[in-house]
Protein backbone atom coordinates (compact mmCIF):
# COMPACT_ATOMS: atom_id res chain seq x y z
CA MET A 1 0.00 0.00 0.00
CA LEU A 2 1.71 3.14 -1.26
CA ARG A 3 -1.28 5.44 -0.89
CA VAL A 4 -2.09 5.98 2.78
CA ASP A 5 -5.31 7.39 4.18
CA ILE A 6 -4.36 10.16 6.62
CA ARG A 7 -7.02 8.95 9.07
CA ASP A 8 -5.04 5.68 9.45
CA LEU A 9 -2.08 7.71 10.71
CA GLN A 10 -4.09 8.90 13.71
CA ARG A 11 -3.79 5.37 15.12
CA GLY A 12 -0.02 5.31 14.68
CA PRO A 13 2.65 4.64 12.04
CA VAL A 14 1.62 2.82 8.87
CA LYS A 15 3.86 0.40 6.98
CA THR A 16 4.12 1.05 3.28
CA VAL A 17 4.94 -1.86 1.02
CA GLY A 18 4.42 -2.09 -2.71
CA GLU A 19 5.82 -2.31 -6.20
CA LEU A 20 5.72 0.12 -9.08
CA GLN A 21 5.97 -1.25 -12.60
CA PRO A 22 8.35 0.42 -15.09
CA ASP A 23 5.37 1.85 -17.00
CA ASP A 24 3.76 3.38 -13.90
CA PRO A 25 2.59 6.98 -14.53
CA ALA A 26 4.76 8.09 -11.58
CA PHE A 27 7.84 7.60 -13.81
CA GLU A 28 6.40 9.39 -16.84
CA GLY A 29 8.81 11.88 -18.40
CA LEU A 30 11.87 10.66 -16.46
CA ASP A 31 13.42 8.69 -19.34
CA LEU A 32 14.22 5.80 -17.00
CA HIS A 33 14.78 2.38 -18.48
CA LEU A 34 13.83 0.19 -15.56
CA ALA A 35 14.57 -3.53 -15.94
CA GLY A 36 11.64 -4.55 -13.76
CA PRO A 37 9.43 -3.36 -10.92
CA VAL A 38 10.66 -1.03 -8.19
CA SER A 39 10.05 -2.43 -4.69
CA ILE A 40 9.20 0.12 -2.01
CA THR A 41 9.11 -0.49 1.72
CA GLY A 42 8.92 1.94 4.58
CA GLN A 43 6.91 3.55 7.31
CA LEU A 44 4.81 6.70 7.35
CA GLN A 45 3.94 8.50 10.57
CA ALA A 46 2.45 11.76 11.75
CA THR A 47 5.01 14.06 13.38
CA ALA A 48 2.85 17.14 13.99
CA PRO A 49 -0.55 18.40 12.89
CA GLY A 50 -0.44 18.48 9.08
CA GLU A 51 3.08 17.01 8.96
CA TYR A 52 4.07 13.43 8.13
CA LEU A 53 7.41 11.66 7.89
CA TRP A 54 8.22 8.73 5.61
CA ARG A 55 11.36 6.63 5.93
CA GLY A 56 12.01 3.70 3.68
CA SER A 57 13.85 2.18 0.77
CA LEU A 58 13.48 1.62 -2.94
CA ARG A 59 15.05 -1.22 -4.86
CA GLY A 60 15.05 -1.80 -8.59
CA ALA A 61 17.26 -2.32 -11.61
CA LEU A 62 18.17 0.09 -14.37
CA GLN A 63 18.85 -1.06 -17.93
CA ALA A 64 21.27 1.04 -20.01
CA GLU A 65 23.90 0.87 -22.75
CA CYS A 66 27.62 0.63 -22.08
CA ARG A 67 29.21 3.92 -23.05
CA ARG A 68 32.08 2.14 -24.84
CA CYS A 69 30.66 -0.95 -26.57
CA LEU A 70 26.92 -0.16 -26.52
CA GLY A 71 26.21 -3.55 -24.94
CA ASP A 72 23.52 -3.99 -22.31
CA VAL A 73 24.34 -2.88 -18.77
CA ARG A 74 22.13 -3.56 -15.80
CA THR A 75 22.74 -1.86 -12.49
CA VAL A 76 20.90 -2.31 -9.22
CA LEU A 77 19.47 0.77 -7.56
CA ASP A 78 19.23 0.41 -3.78
CA ILE A 79 18.07 3.69 -2.30
CA ASN A 80 17.56 4.52 1.37
CA VAL A 81 15.32 7.48 2.15
CA ASP A 82 16.12 8.84 5.61
CA ALA A 83 13.37 11.44 5.73
CA ALA A 84 10.68 12.53 3.32
CA ILE A 85 8.38 15.11 4.87
CA PHE A 86 4.83 15.70 3.67
CA SER A 87 3.36 18.95 4.95
CA THR A 88 0.24 21.08 4.67
CA ASP A 89 2.24 24.13 5.82
CA PRO A 90 2.34 26.62 2.89
CA ASP A 91 5.81 27.78 3.98
CA ALA A 92 7.13 24.24 3.50
CA ALA A 93 6.27 24.35 -0.21
CA ASP A 94 9.57 26.13 -0.90
CA ASP A 95 11.58 23.49 0.96
CA PRO A 96 13.09 21.02 -1.55
CA ASP A 97 13.02 18.29 1.12
CA SER A 98 9.29 18.65 1.64
CA TYR A 99 6.33 17.34 -0.34
CA PRO A 100 3.44 19.80 -0.18
CA LEU A 101 -0.03 18.56 0.76
CA LEU A 102 -3.31 20.38 0.40
CA GLU A 103 -4.81 21.44 3.72
CA ARG A 104 -7.73 19.05 3.18
CA ALA A 105 -5.64 16.17 1.78
CA SER A 106 -7.12 12.78 2.57
CA HIS A 107 -4.24 10.60 1.35
CA ILE A 108 -0.46 10.61 1.07
CA ASP A 109 1.03 8.99 -2.01
CA ILE A 110 4.53 7.56 -1.52
CA ARG A 111 4.92 7.30 -5.33
CA ASP A 112 5.90 11.01 -5.31
CA VAL A 113 8.96 10.15 -3.21
CA ALA A 114 9.77 7.14 -5.40
CA ARG A 115 9.74 9.28 -8.54
CA GLU A 116 12.07 11.92 -7.13
CA GLU A 117 14.47 9.53 -5.43
CA LEU A 118 14.83 7.38 -8.55
CA ALA A 119 15.43 10.43 -10.72
CA LEU A 120 18.19 11.55 -8.34
CA ALA A 121 19.76 8.09 -8.11
CA VAL A 122 20.23 7.49 -11.84
CA PRO A 123 23.95 7.76 -12.64
CA THR A 124 24.74 11.03 -14.39
CA ARG A 125 27.61 9.44 -16.25
CA LEU A 126 26.89 6.61 -18.61
CA LEU A 127 27.71 3.15 -17.33
CA LEU A 128 30.32 0.61 -18.40
CA CYS A 129 29.53 -3.07 -18.89
CA ARG A 130 32.86 -3.74 -17.12
CA GLU A 131 35.82 -1.58 -16.09
CA ASP A 132 38.14 -2.98 -18.77
CA CYS A 133 35.63 -2.68 -21.62
CA ALA A 134 37.61 -2.29 -24.86
CA GLY A 135 34.76 -0.57 -26.69
CA LEU A 136 34.13 -0.50 -30.42
CA CYS A 137 36.65 -0.12 -33.23
CA PRO A 138 36.39 3.50 -34.43
CA THR A 139 36.89 2.38 -38.04
CA CYS A 140 34.83 -0.78 -38.56
CA GLY A 141 32.64 -0.76 -35.42
CA ALA A 142 33.62 -4.25 -34.31
CA ASP A 143 33.22 -5.08 -30.60
CA LEU A 144 36.82 -5.16 -29.35
CA ASN A 145 35.75 -7.18 -26.31
CA ALA A 146 35.28 -10.13 -28.68
CA GLY A 147 38.85 -9.80 -29.96
CA VAL A 148 40.98 -7.79 -32.35
CA CYS A 149 39.15 -6.58 -35.44
CA GLU A 150 40.19 -7.09 -39.10
CA CYS A 151 41.00 -3.41 -39.83
CA SER A 152 44.18 -1.60 -38.92
CA ALA A 153 42.76 0.89 -36.42
CA PRO A 154 44.37 0.93 -32.95
CA ALA A 155 42.37 -0.89 -30.30
CA GLU A 156 41.78 1.95 -27.83
CA PRO A 157 38.61 2.42 -25.77
CA VAL A 158 36.44 5.32 -26.87
C-alpha cells in the first residue's frame, strides 16, 4: 500500500509496502529504463498536525547501454530514504526536502517520493559493462571485447 489514508495515521505509524511497474505513470517523463518493478518499503507517521514523515527504501534495476561498446548494462538501484516530509504548511512548499499537501488532503502517495528519489539516483555518467571494456573499433565498429578486429585501427577504448 503506497497510498495511505491520513485517518489511518491517527492510530499510529503505517507500513508502506508495494511495487511500481516500469510503465507506472509516476515515472512518466523521467526517461528511465527500468529492468523490472521497483520495490518500495517503509513507514509513514504523523510528526505534527499536518506534517508526516516517511522513511524507507526503494530497490530496482536500471537497464542502459555501455558507453564504450553499446552492450547492455544492468545496475541495481538500492536507495535509502532517511526522511521525506509531507506537509500542509504553505511555507514548507519552498523546501526542496518537503512534499506539499493540500490542507484538506485525505491521502499521502509515496509514489511522489519514489519518482524523485529514482530520478536523483540514476547515474549522471553513462555506465560501463565492465571496467576494462575495450569498446568499439572506431573504423569498422567491431566489438573489441570479442577480440581484435580485421582493420588496422588501434584498439583503444572510446
